[in-house]
Amino acid sequence: MFFYQRKILTTLTEEEFRAGYRKAQLIDIREPNEFDGGHILGARNIPLSQFKMRMKEIRPDQPVYLYCQNALRSGRAAQMLRKKGYKQLFQLKGGFKQWTGKIKTKK
């Protein structure tokens, strides 16, 4: 499973992720309470628990940048997307815990 995820999903360092995510769809896979506690500026929250139902919100013709708390759930989300034909899938190495860039929190 792990090796399959590595094949379908490109893991990016924070610098690489930051360089590309503005030209892509940035999806936060975490649950809404985690998202409200802080997320990368510009991210959309589509929790893994709702992912199958909400996958159509993600365009297949654009790169998809995924992240979760520590890069475990984003791999599962990538597998679901790959099955539906999505090709350009990227995840943040180490997940949101490793992010040092701008974040937005809900008060």
PDB file of N, CA and C in Angstrom:
ATOM      1  N   MET A   1       0.827  -1.200   0.000  1.00  0.00           N
ATOM      2  CA  MET A   1       0.000   0.000   0.000  1.00  0.00           C
ATOM      3  C   MET A   1       0.867   1.258   0.000  1.00  0.00           C
ATOM      4  N   PHE A   2       1.863   1.284   0.883  1.00  0.00           N
ATOM      5  CA  PHE A   2       2.746   2.443   0.987  1.00  0.00           C
ATOM      6  C   PHE A   2       3.456   2.719  -0.333  1.00  0.00           C
ATOM      7  N   PHE A   3       3.933   1.645  -0.991  1.00  0.00           N
ATOM      8  CA  PHE A   3       4.673   1.837  -2.242  1.00  0.00           C
ATOM      9  C   PHE A   3       3.745   2.277  -3.366  1.00  0.00           C
ATOM     10  N   TYR A   4       2.500   1.801  -3.339  1.00  0.00           N
ATOM     11  CA  TYR A   4       1.519   2.242  -4.326  1.00  0.00           C
ATOM     12  C   TYR A   4       1.267   3.741  -4.161  1.00  0.00           C
ATOM     13  N   GLN A   5       1.128   4.190  -2.913  1.00  0.00           N
ATOM     14  CA  GLN A   5       0.914   5.617  -2.672  1.00  0.00           C
ATOM     15  C   GLN A   5       2.101   6.426  -3.170  1.00  0.00           C
ATOM     16  N   ARG A   6       3.301   5.918  -2.976  1.00  0.00           N
ATOM     17  CA  ARG A   6       4.475   6.651  -3.438  1.00  0.00           C
ATOM     18  C   ARG A   6       4.518   6.754  -4.952  1.00  0.00           C
ATOM     19  N   LYS A   7       3.927   5.761  -5.631  1.00  0.00           N
ATOM     20  CA  LYS A   7       3.915   5.769  -7.094  1.00  0.00           C
ATOM     21  C   LYS A   7       2.899   6.760  -7.661  1.00  0.00           C
ATOM     22  N   ILE A   8       1.755   6.879  -7.022  1.00  0.00           N
ATOM     23  CA  ILE A   8       0.683   7.727  -7.564  1.00  0.00           C
ATOM     24  C   ILE A   8       0.731   9.143  -7.033  1.00  0.00           C
ATOM     25  N   LEU A   9       1.512   9.375  -5.987  1.00  0.00           N
ATOM     26  CA  LEU A   9       1.468  10.634  -5.259  1.00  0.00           C
ATOM     27  C   LEU A   9       2.893  11.153  -5.114  1.00  0.00           C
ATOM     28  N   THR A  10       3.116  12.412  -5.500  1.00  0.00           N
ATOM     29  CA  THR A  10       4.432  13.018  -5.347  1.00  0.00           C
ATOM     30  C   THR A  10       4.467  13.755  -4.011  1.00  0.00           C
ATOM     31  N   THR A  11       5.424  13.390  -3.176  1.00  0.00           N
ATOM     32  CA  THR A  11       5.578  14.068  -1.892  1.00  0.00           C
ATOM     33  C   THR A  11       6.539  15.228  -2.070  1.00  0.00           C
ATOM     34  N   LEU A  12       6.095  16.412  -1.699  1.00  0.00           N
ATOM     35  CA  LEU A  12       6.887  17.625  -1.894  1.00  0.00           C
ATOM     36  C   LEU A  12       7.377  18.177  -0.563  1.00  0.00           C
ATOM     37  N   THR A  13       8.574  18.752  -0.584  1.00  0.00           N
ATOM     38  CA  THR A  13       9.043  19.479   0.592  1.00  0.00           C
ATOM     39  C   THR A  13       8.200  20.742   0.714  1.00  0.00           C
ATOM     40  N   GLU A  14       8.297  21.406   1.834  1.00  0.00           N
ATOM     41  CA  GLU A  14       7.503  22.624   2.018  1.00  0.00           C
ATOM     42  C   GLU A  14       7.827  23.663   0.949  1.00  0.00           C
ATOM     43  N   GLU A  15       9.091  23.796   0.585  1.00  0.00           N
ATOM     44  CA  GLU A  15       9.485  24.781  -0.439  1.00  0.00           C
ATOM     45  C   GLU A  15       8.842  24.450  -1.791  1.00  0.00           C
ATOM     46  N   GLU A  16       8.892  23.167  -2.181  1.00  0.00           N
ATOM     47  CA  GLU A  16       8.300  22.745  -3.456  1.00  0.00           C
ATOM     48  C   GLU A  16       6.784  22.935  -3.417  1.00  0.00           C
ATOM     49  N   PHE A  17       6.186  22.576  -2.299  1.00  0.00           N
ATOM     50  CA  PHE A  17       4.738  22.697  -2.120  1.00  0.00           C
ATOM     51  C   PHE A  17       4.326  24.169  -2.252  1.00  0.00           C
ATOM     52  N   ARG A  18       5.078  25.025  -1.576  1.00  0.00           N
ATOM     53  CA  ARG A  18       4.775  26.455  -1.595  1.00  0.00           C
ATOM     54  C   ARG A  18       4.914  27.028  -3.005  1.00  0.00           C
ATOM     55  N   ALA A  19       5.878  26.517  -3.765  1.00  0.00           N
ATOM     56  CA  ALA A  19       6.116  27.015  -5.123  1.00  0.00           C
ATOM     57  C   ALA A  19       4.958  26.686  -6.066  1.00  0.00           C
ATOM     58  N   GLY A  20       4.241  25.581  -5.805  1.00  0.00           N
ATOM     59  CA  GLY A  20       3.227  25.156  -6.755  1.00  0.00           C
ATOM     60  C   GLY A  20       1.781  25.255  -6.339  1.00  0.00           C
ATOM     61  N   TYR A  21       1.505  25.368  -5.032  1.00  0.00           N
ATOM     62  CA  TYR A  21       0.104  25.206  -4.625  1.00  0.00           C
ATOM     63  C   TYR A  21      -0.811  26.346  -5.050  1.00  0.00           C
ATOM     64  N   ARG A  22      -0.280  27.524  -5.346  1.00  0.00           N
ATOM     65  CA  ARG A  22      -1.167  28.628  -5.759  1.00  0.00           C
ATOM     66  C   ARG A  22      -1.723  28.417  -7.163  1.00  0.00           C
ATOM     67  N   LYS A  23      -1.042  27.602  -7.961  1.00  0.00           N
ATOM     68  CA  LYS A  23      -1.508  27.318  -9.323  1.00  0.00           C
ATOM     69  C   LYS A  23      -2.323  26.036  -9.359  1.00  0.00           C
ATOM     70  N   ALA A  24      -2.653  25.505  -8.188  1.00  0.00           N
ATOM     71  CA  ALA A  24      -3.329  24.209  -8.111  1.00  0.00           C
ATOM     72  C   ALA A  24      -4.542  24.309  -7.184  1.00  0.00           C
ATOM     73  N   GLN A  25      -5.164  23.166  -6.953  1.00  0.00           N
ATOM     74  CA  GLN A  25      -6.274  23.082  -6.012  1.00  0.00           C
ATOM     75  C   GLN A  25      -5.692  22.579  -4.695  1.00  0.00           C
ATOM     76  N   LEU A  26      -5.808  23.373  -3.670  1.00  0.00           N
ATOM     77  CA  LEU A  26      -5.247  23.028  -2.372  1.00  0.00           C
ATOM     78  C   LEU A  26      -6.361  22.463  -1.493  1.00  0.00           C
ATOM     79  N   ILE A  27      -6.228  21.195  -1.132  1.00  0.00           N
ATOM     80  CA  ILE A  27      -7.278  20.511  -0.392  1.00  0.00           C
ATOM     81  C   ILE A  27      -6.751  20.045   0.971  1.00  0.00           C
ATOM     82  N   ASP A  28      -7.456  20.444   2.018  1.00  0.00           N
ATOM     83  CA  ASP A  28      -7.145  20.006   3.381  1.00  0.00           C
ATOM     84  C   ASP A  28      -8.051  18.815   3.680  1.00  0.00           C
ATOM     85  N   ILE A  29      -7.447  17.659   3.958  1.00  0.00           N
ATOM     86  CA  ILE A  29      -8.185  16.407   4.146  1.00  0.00           C
ATOM     87  C   ILE A  29      -8.660  16.240   5.592  1.00  0.00           C
ATOM     88  N   ARG A  30      -8.206  17.105   6.482  1.00  0.00           N
ATOM     89  CA  ARG A  30      -8.526  16.946   7.907  1.00  0.00           C
ATOM     90  C   ARG A  30      -9.995  17.240   8.189  1.00  0.00           C
ATOM     91  N   GLU A  31     -10.437  16.841   9.357  1.00  0.00           N
ATOM     92  CA  GLU A  31     -11.823  17.064   9.766  1.00  0.00           C
ATOM     93  C   GLU A  31     -12.044  18.565  10.034  1.00  0.00           C
ATOM     94  N   PRO A  32     -13.316  19.040   9.959  1.00  0.00           N
ATOM     95  CA  PRO A  32     -13.595  20.475  10.097  1.00  0.00           C
ATOM     96  C   PRO A  32     -13.040  21.125  11.370  1.00  0.00           C
ATOM     97  N   ASN A  33     -13.071  20.406  12.508  1.00  0.00           N
ATOM     98  CA  ASN A  33     -12.551  21.012  13.737  1.00  0.00           C
ATOM     99  C   ASN A  33     -11.036  21.234  13.648  1.00  0.00           C
ATOM    100  N   GLU A  34     -10.315  20.325  12.978  1.00  0.00           N
ATOM    101  CA  GLU A  34      -8.875  20.503  12.777  1.00  0.00           C
ATOM    102  C   GLU A  34      -8.628  21.681  11.827  1.00  0.00           C
ATOM    103  N   PHE A  35      -9.427  21.745  10.756  1.00  0.00           N
ATOM    104  CA  PHE A  35      -9.314  22.810   9.759  1.00  0.00           C
ATOM    105  C   PHE A  35      -9.538  24.178  10.408  1.00  0.00           C
ATOM    106  N   ASP A  36     -10.577  24.275  11.252  1.00  0.00           N
ATOM    107  CA  ASP A  36     -10.887  25.539  11.922  1.00  0.00           C
ATOM    108  C   ASP A  36      -9.778  25.967  12.873  1.00  0.00           C
ATOM    109  N   GLY A  37      -9.045  25.006  13.409  1.00  0.00           N
ATOM    110  CA  GLY A  37      -7.956  25.309  14.319  1.00  0.00           C
ATOM    111  C   GLY A  37      -6.753  25.927  13.625  1.00  0.00           C
ATOM    112  N   GLY A  38      -6.731  25.847  12.304  1.00  0.00           N
ATOM    113  CA  GLY A  38      -5.639  26.430  11.526  1.00  0.00           C
ATOM    114  C   GLY A  38      -5.420  25.648  10.255  1.00  0.00           C
ATOM    115  N   HIS A  39      -5.294  26.367   9.137  1.00  0.00           N
ATOM    116  CA  HIS A  39      -5.062  25.714   7.850  1.00  0.00           C
ATOM    117  C   HIS A  39      -4.239  26.631   6.953  1.00  0.00           C
ATOM    118  N   ILE A  40      -3.676  26.049   5.900  1.00  0.00           N
ATOM    119  CA  ILE A  40      -2.880  26.822   4.954  1.00  0.00           C
ATOM    120  C   ILE A  40      -3.802  27.791   4.224  1.00  0.00           C
ATOM    121  N   LEU A  41      -3.350  29.028   4.110  1.00  0.00           N
ATOM    122  CA  LEU A  41      -4.122  30.077   3.455  1.00  0.00           C
ATOM    123  C   LEU A  41      -4.550  29.625   2.053  1.00  0.00           C
ATOM    124  N   GLY A  42      -5.840  29.702   1.750  1.00  0.00           N
ATOM    125  CA  GLY A  42      -6.339  29.334   0.426  1.00  0.00           C
ATOM    126  C   GLY A  42      -6.786  27.892   0.296  1.00  0.00           C
ATOM    127  N   ALA A  43      -6.680  27.118   1.357  1.00  0.00           N
ATOM    128  CA  ALA A  43      -7.070  25.698   1.288  1.00  0.00           C
ATOM    129  C   ALA A  43      -8.575  25.533   1.398  1.00  0.00           C
ATOM    130  N   ARG A  44      -9.075  24.497   0.711  1.00  0.00           N
ATOM    131  CA  ARG A  44     -10.483  24.097   0.836  1.00  0.00           C
ATOM    132  C   ARG A  44     -10.530  22.868   1.723  1.00  0.00           C
ATOM    133  N   ASN A  45     -11.522  22.781   2.589  1.00  0.00           N
ATOM    134  CA  ASN A  45     -11.633  21.638   3.490  1.00  0.00           C
ATOM    135  C   ASN A  45     -12.584  20.605   2.906  1.00  0.00           C
ATOM    136  N   ILE A  46     -12.030  19.460   2.528  1.00  0.00           N
ATOM    137  CA  ILE A  46     -12.847  18.310   2.124  1.00  0.00           C
ATOM    138  C   ILE A  46     -12.340  17.143   2.975  1.00  0.00           C
ATOM    139  N   PRO A  47     -12.966  16.902   4.142  1.00  0.00           N
ATOM    140  CA  PRO A  47     -12.486  15.864   5.052  1.00  0.00           C
ATOM    141  C   PRO A  47     -12.517  14.482   4.408  1.00  0.00           C
ATOM    142  N   LEU A  48     -11.578  13.639   4.810  1.00  0.00           N
ATOM    143  CA  LEU A  48     -11.505  12.286   4.262  1.00  0.00           C
ATOM    144  C   LEU A  48     -12.827  11.550   4.473  1.00  0.00           C
ATOM    145  N   SER A  49     -13.505  11.817   5.609  1.00  0.00           N
ATOM    146  CA  SER A  49     -14.774  11.148   5.895  1.00  0.00           C
ATOM    147  C   SER A  49     -15.871  11.499   4.882  1.00  0.00           C
ATOM    148  N   GLN A  50     -15.743  12.646   4.185  1.00  0.00           N
ATOM    149  CA  GLN A  50     -16.741  13.067   3.189  1.00  0.00           C
ATOM    150  C   GLN A  50     -16.181  12.997   1.768  1.00  0.00           C
ATOM    151  N   PHE A  51     -14.980  12.476   1.632  1.00  0.00           N
ATOM    152  CA  PHE A  51     -14.238  12.616   0.386  1.00  0.00           C
ATOM    153  C   PHE A  51     -14.922  11.981  -0.820  1.00  0.00           C
ATOM    154  N   LYS A  52     -15.445  10.755  -0.646  1.00  0.00           N
ATOM    155  CA  LYS A  52     -16.085  10.069  -1.780  1.00  0.00           C
ATOM    156  C   LYS A  52     -17.269  10.872  -2.321  1.00  0.00           C
ATOM    157  N   MET A  53     -18.043  11.467  -1.422  1.00  0.00           N
ATOM    158  CA  MET A  53     -19.232  12.215  -1.837  1.00  0.00           C
ATOM    159  C   MET A  53     -18.866  13.555  -2.468  1.00  0.00           C
ATOM    160  N   ARG A  54     -17.752  14.150  -2.041  1.00  0.00           N
ATOM    161  CA  ARG A  54     -17.415  15.508  -2.471  1.00  0.00           C
ATOM    162  C   ARG A  54     -16.298  15.568  -3.513  1.00  0.00           C
ATOM    163  N   MET A  55     -15.863  14.414  -3.978  1.00  0.00           N
ATOM    164  CA  MET A  55     -14.745  14.372  -4.931  1.00  0.00           C
ATOM    165  C   MET A  55     -15.017  15.161  -6.203  1.00  0.00           C
ATOM    166  N   LYS A  56     -16.293  15.248  -6.589  1.00  0.00           N
ATOM    167  CA  LYS A  56     -16.617  15.970  -7.829  1.00  0.00           C
ATOM    168  C   LYS A  56     -16.342  17.471  -7.726  1.00  0.00           C
ATOM    169  N   GLU A  57     -16.088  17.976  -6.508  1.00  0.00           N
ATOM    170  CA  GLU A  57     -15.734  19.388  -6.343  1.00  0.00           C
ATOM    171  C   GLU A  57     -14.303  19.667  -6.810  1.00  0.00           C
ATOM    172  N   ILE A  58     -13.543  18.607  -7.031  1.00  0.00           N
ATOM    173  CA  ILE A  58     -12.133  18.757  -7.416  1.00  0.00           C
ATOM    174  C   ILE A  58     -12.006  18.531  -8.917  1.00  0.00           C
ATOM    175  N   ARG A  59     -11.398  19.486  -9.612  1.00  0.00           N
ATOM    176  CA  ARG A  59     -11.265  19.389 -11.068  1.00  0.00           C
ATOM    177  C   ARG A  59     -10.135  18.431 -11.447  1.00  0.00           C
ATOM    178  N   PRO A  60     -10.416  17.493 -12.372  1.00  0.00           N
ATOM    179  CA  PRO A  60      -9.377  16.534 -12.763  1.00  0.00           C
ATOM    180  C   PRO A  60      -8.316  17.125 -13.689  1.00  0.00           C
ATOM    181  N   ASP A  61      -8.566  18.291 -14.284  1.00  0.00           N
ATOM    182  CA  ASP A  61      -7.634  18.864 -15.260  1.00  0.00           C
ATOM    183  C   ASP A  61      -6.599  19.789 -14.620  1.00  0.00           C
ATOM    184  N   GLN A  62      -6.611  19.909 -13.291  1.00  0.00           N
ATOM    185  CA  GLN A  62      -5.642  20.766 -12.598  1.00  0.00           C
ATOM    186  C   GLN A  62      -4.912  19.956 -11.535  1.00  0.00           C
ATOM    187  N   PRO A  63      -3.675  20.356 -11.213  1.00  0.00           N
ATOM    188  CA  PRO A  63      -2.951  19.646 -10.149  1.00  0.00           C
ATOM    189  C   PRO A  63      -3.708  19.744  -8.822  1.00  0.00           C
ATOM    190  N   VAL A  64      -3.608  18.686  -8.027  1.00  0.00           N
ATOM    191  CA  VAL A  64      -4.269  18.641  -6.728  1.00  0.00           C
ATOM    192  C   VAL A  64      -3.196  18.533  -5.644  1.00  0.00           C
ATOM    193  N   TYR A  65      -3.171  19.505  -4.759  1.00  0.00           N
ATOM    194  CA  TYR A  65      -2.227  19.507  -3.630  1.00  0.00           C
ATOM    195  C   TYR A  65      -3.017  19.140  -2.377  1.00  0.00           C
ATOM    196  N   LEU A  66      -2.644  18.026  -1.768  1.00  0.00           N
ATOM    197  CA  LEU A  66      -3.348  17.512  -0.603  1.00  0.00           C
ATOM    198  C   LEU A  66      -2.484  17.652   0.640  1.00  0.00           C
ATOM    199  N   TYR A  67      -3.130  17.861   1.757  1.00  0.00           N
ATOM    200  CA  TYR A  67      -2.402  17.736   3.012  1.00  0.00           C
ATOM    201  C   TYR A  67      -3.365  17.378   4.127  1.00  0.00           C
ATOM    202  N   CYS A  68      -2.825  16.735   5.160  1.00  0.00           N
ATOM    203  CA  CYS A  68      -3.583  16.418   6.359  1.00  0.00           C
ATOM    204  C   CYS A  68      -2.685  16.755   7.543  1.00  0.00           C
ATOM    205  N   GLN A  69      -2.937  16.174   8.690  1.00  0.00           N
ATOM    206  CA  GLN A  69      -2.158  16.554   9.867  1.00  0.00           C
ATOM    207  C   GLN A  69      -0.711  16.069   9.772  1.00  0.00           C
ATOM    208  N   ASN A  70      -0.524  14.788   9.378  1.00  0.00           N
ATOM    209  CA  ASN A  70       0.838  14.275   9.319  1.00  0.00           C
ATOM    210  C   ASN A  70       1.096  13.360   8.119  1.00  0.00           C
ATOM    211  N   ALA A  71       0.388  13.584   7.035  1.00  0.00           N
ATOM    212  CA  ALA A  71       0.614  12.917   5.740  1.00  0.00           C
ATOM    213  C   ALA A  71       0.167  11.461   5.673  1.00  0.00           C
ATOM    214  N   LEU A  72      -0.742  11.033   6.527  1.00  0.00           N
ATOM    215  CA  LEU A  72      -1.271   9.676   6.425  1.00  0.00           C
ATOM    216  C   LEU A  72      -2.568   9.645   5.625  1.00  0.00           C
ATOM    217  N   ARG A  73      -3.503  10.528   5.969  1.00  0.00           N
ATOM    218  CA  ARG A  73      -4.806  10.543   5.296  1.00  0.00           C
ATOM    219  C   ARG A  73      -4.709  11.027   3.854  1.00  0.00           C
ATOM    220  N   SER A  74      -3.762  11.917   3.566  1.00  0.00           N
ATOM    221  CA  SER A  74      -3.657  12.433   2.195  1.00  0.00           C
ATOM    222  C   SER A  74      -3.324  11.311   1.212  1.00  0.00           C
ATOM    223  N   GLY A  75      -2.609  10.294   1.665  1.00  0.00           N
ATOM    224  CA  GLY A  75      -2.320   9.140   0.800  1.00  0.00           C
ATOM    225  C   GLY A  75      -3.585   8.389   0.427  1.00  0.00           C
ATOM    226  N   ARG A  76      -4.472   8.220   1.400  1.00  0.00           N
ATOM    227  CA  ARG A  76      -5.740   7.533   1.116  1.00  0.00           C
ATOM    228  C   ARG A  76      -6.609   8.349   0.167  1.00  0.00           C
ATOM    229  N   ALA A  77      -6.639   9.658   0.363  1.00  0.00           N
ATOM    230  CA  ALA A  77      -7.410  10.529  -0.527  1.00  0.00           C
ATOM    231  C   ALA A  77      -6.852  10.446  -1.948  1.00  0.00           C
ATOM    232  N   ALA A  78      -5.538  10.407  -2.077  1.00  0.00           N
ATOM    233  CA  ALA A  78      -4.899  10.319  -3.394  1.00  0.00           C
ATOM    234  C   ALA A  78      -5.280   9.022  -4.103  1.00  0.00           C
ATOM    235  N   GLN A  79      -5.375   7.934  -3.343  1.00  0.00           N
ATOM    236  CA  GLN A  79      -5.776   6.664  -3.961  1.00  0.00           C
ATOM    237  C   GLN A  79      -7.179   6.756  -4.543  1.00  0.00           C
ATOM    238  N   MET A  80      -8.088   7.393  -3.816  1.00  0.00           N
ATOM    239  CA  MET A  80      -9.466   7.563  -4.314  1.00  0.00           C
ATOM    240  C   MET A  80      -9.474   8.412  -5.581  1.00  0.00           C
ATOM    241  N   LEU A  81      -8.696   9.491  -5.574  1.00  0.00           N
ATOM    242  CA  LEU A  81      -8.641  10.367  -6.745  1.00  0.00           C
ATOM    243  C   LEU A  81      -8.037   9.638  -7.935  1.00  0.00           C
ATOM    244  N   ARG A  82      -6.989   8.874  -7.705  1.00  0.00           N
ATOM    245  CA  ARG A  82      -6.318   8.156  -8.784  1.00  0.00           C
ATOM    246  C   ARG A  82      -7.279   7.177  -9.464  1.00  0.00           C
ATOM    247  N   LYS A  83      -8.101   6.500  -8.648  1.00  0.00           N
ATOM    248  CA  LYS A  83      -9.084   5.561  -9.205  1.00  0.00           C
ATOM    249  C   LYS A  83     -10.053   6.263 -10.144  1.00  0.00           C
ATOM    250  N   LYS A  84     -10.313   7.546  -9.887  1.00  0.00           N
ATOM    251  CA  LYS A  84     -11.225   8.319 -10.729  1.00  0.00           C
ATOM    252  C   LYS A  84     -10.500   8.993 -11.892  1.00  0.00           C
ATOM    253  N   GLY A  85      -9.206   8.717 -12.041  1.00  0.00           N
ATOM    254  CA  GLY A  85      -8.486   9.224 -13.203  1.00  0.00           C
ATOM    255  C   GLY A  85      -7.679  10.491 -12.991  1.00  0.00           C
ATOM    256  N   TYR A  86      -7.574  10.962 -11.773  1.00  0.00           N
ATOM    257  CA  TYR A  86      -6.755  12.150 -11.499  1.00  0.00           C
ATOM    258  C   TYR A  86      -5.283  11.756 -11.613  1.00  0.00           C
ATOM    259  N   LYS A  87      -4.490  12.619 -12.247  1.00  0.00           N
ATOM    260  CA  LYS A  87      -3.089  12.276 -12.502  1.00  0.00           C
ATOM    261  C   LYS A  87      -2.098  13.098 -11.677  1.00  0.00           C
ATOM    262  N   GLN A  88      -2.311  14.404 -11.560  1.00  0.00           N
ATOM    263  CA  GLN A  88      -1.332  15.283 -10.908  1.00  0.00           C
ATOM    264  C   GLN A  88      -1.654  15.425  -9.427  1.00  0.00           C
ATOM    265  N   LEU A  89      -1.122  14.501  -8.626  1.00  0.00           N
ATOM    266  CA  LEU A  89      -1.424  14.469  -7.200  1.00  0.00           C
ATOM    267  C   LEU A  89      -0.157  14.711  -6.392  1.00  0.00           C
ATOM    268  N   PHE A  90      -0.246  15.631  -5.452  1.00  0.00           N
ATOM    269  CA  PHE A  90       0.909  16.003  -4.640  1.00  0.00           C
ATOM    270  C   PHE A  90       0.491  16.078  -3.173  1.00  0.00           C
ATOM    271  N   GLN A  91       1.419  15.769  -2.284  1.00  0.00           N
ATOM    272  CA  GLN A  91       1.126  15.920  -0.859  1.00  0.00           C
ATOM    273  C   GLN A  91       2.288  16.629  -0.177  1.00  0.00           C
ATOM    274  N   LEU A  92       1.968  17.268   0.927  1.00  0.00           N
ATOM    275  CA  LEU A  92       2.954  17.997   1.713  1.00  0.00           C
ATOM    276  C   LEU A  92       3.694  17.017   2.615  1.00  0.00           C
ATOM    277  N   LYS A  93       5.012  16.973   2.478  1.00  0.00           N
ATOM    278  CA  LYS A  93       5.832  16.077   3.299  1.00  0.00           C
ATOM    279  C   LYS A  93       5.677  16.453   4.770  1.00  0.00           C
ATOM    280  N   GLY A  94       5.332  15.460   5.581  1.00  0.00           N
ATOM    281  CA  GLY A  94       5.174  15.711   7.010  1.00  0.00           C
ATOM    282  C   GLY A  94       3.834  16.317   7.399  1.00  0.00           C
ATOM    283  N   GLY A  95       3.017  16.698   6.423  1.00  0.00           N
ATOM    284  CA  GLY A  95       1.687  17.226   6.702  1.00  0.00           C
ATOM    285  C   GLY A  95       1.698  18.621   7.322  1.00  0.00           C
ATOM    286  N   PHE A  96       0.528  19.021   7.795  1.00  0.00           N
ATOM    287  CA  PHE A  96       0.339  20.374   8.327  1.00  0.00           C
ATOM    288  C   PHE A  96       1.236  20.645   9.541  1.00  0.00           C
ATOM    289  N   LYS A  97       1.567  19.587  10.295  1.00  0.00           N
ATOM    290  CA  LYS A  97       2.420  19.765  11.472  1.00  0.00           C
ATOM    291  C   LYS A  97       3.778  20.360  11.110  1.00  0.00           C
ATOM    292  N   GLN A  98       4.243  20.096   9.882  1.00  0.00           N
ATOM    293  CA  GLN A  98       5.554  20.570   9.451  1.00  0.00           C
ATOM    294  C   GLN A  98       5.494  21.934   8.753  1.00  0.00           C
ATOM    295  N   TRP A  99       4.304  22.437   8.498  1.00  0.00           N
ATOM    296  CA  TRP A  99       4.130  23.677   7.726  1.00  0.00           C
ATOM    297  C   TRP A  99       4.588  24.883   8.548  1.00  0.00           C
ATOM    298  N   THR A 100       5.388  25.746   7.933  1.00  0.00           N
ATOM    299  CA  THR A 100       5.857  26.943   8.636  1.00  0.00           C
ATOM    300  C   THR A 100       5.365  28.224   7.967  1.00  0.00           C
ATOM    301  N   GLY A 101       4.592  28.081   6.860  1.00  0.00           N
ATOM    302  CA  GLY A 101       4.106  29.240   6.126  1.00  0.00           C
ATOM    303  C   GLY A 101       2.889  29.872   6.782  1.00  0.00           C
ATOM    304  N   LYS A 102       2.239  30.743   6.023  1.00  0.00           N
ATOM    305  CA  LYS A 102       1.051  31.451   6.525  1.00  0.00           C
ATOM    306  C   LYS A 102      -0.083  30.476   6.775  1.00  0.00           C
ATOM    307  N   ILE A 103      -0.786  30.703   7.871  1.00  0.00           N
ATOM    308  CA  ILE A 103      -1.981  29.903   8.143  1.00  0.00           C
ATOM    309  C   ILE A 103      -3.133  30.842   8.501  1.00  0.00           C
ATOM    310  N   LYS A 104      -4.329  30.293   8.367  1.00  0.00           N
ATOM    311  CA  LYS A 104      -5.531  31.054   8.706  1.00  0.00           C
ATOM    312  C   LYS A 104      -6.265  30.234   9.764  1.00  0.00           C
ATOM    313  N   THR A 105      -6.768  30.903  10.782  1.00  0.00           N
ATOM    314  CA  THR A 105      -7.551  30.216  11.801  1.00  0.00           C
ATOM    315  C   THR A 105      -8.912  30.874  11.902  1.00  0.00           C
ATOM    316  N   LYS A 106      -9.897  30.070  12.278  1.00  0.00           N
ATOM    317  CA  LYS A 106     -11.232  30.621  12.535  1.00  0.00           C
ATOM    318  C   LYS A 106     -11.291  30.975  14.006  1.00  0.00           C
ATOM    319  N   LYS A 107     -11.773  32.142  14.294  1.00  0.00           N
ATOM    320  CA  LYS A 107     -11.785  32.580  15.700  1.00  0.00           C
ATOM    321  C   LYS A 107     -13.002  32.025  16.410  1.00  0.00           C
TER     322      LYS A 107
END
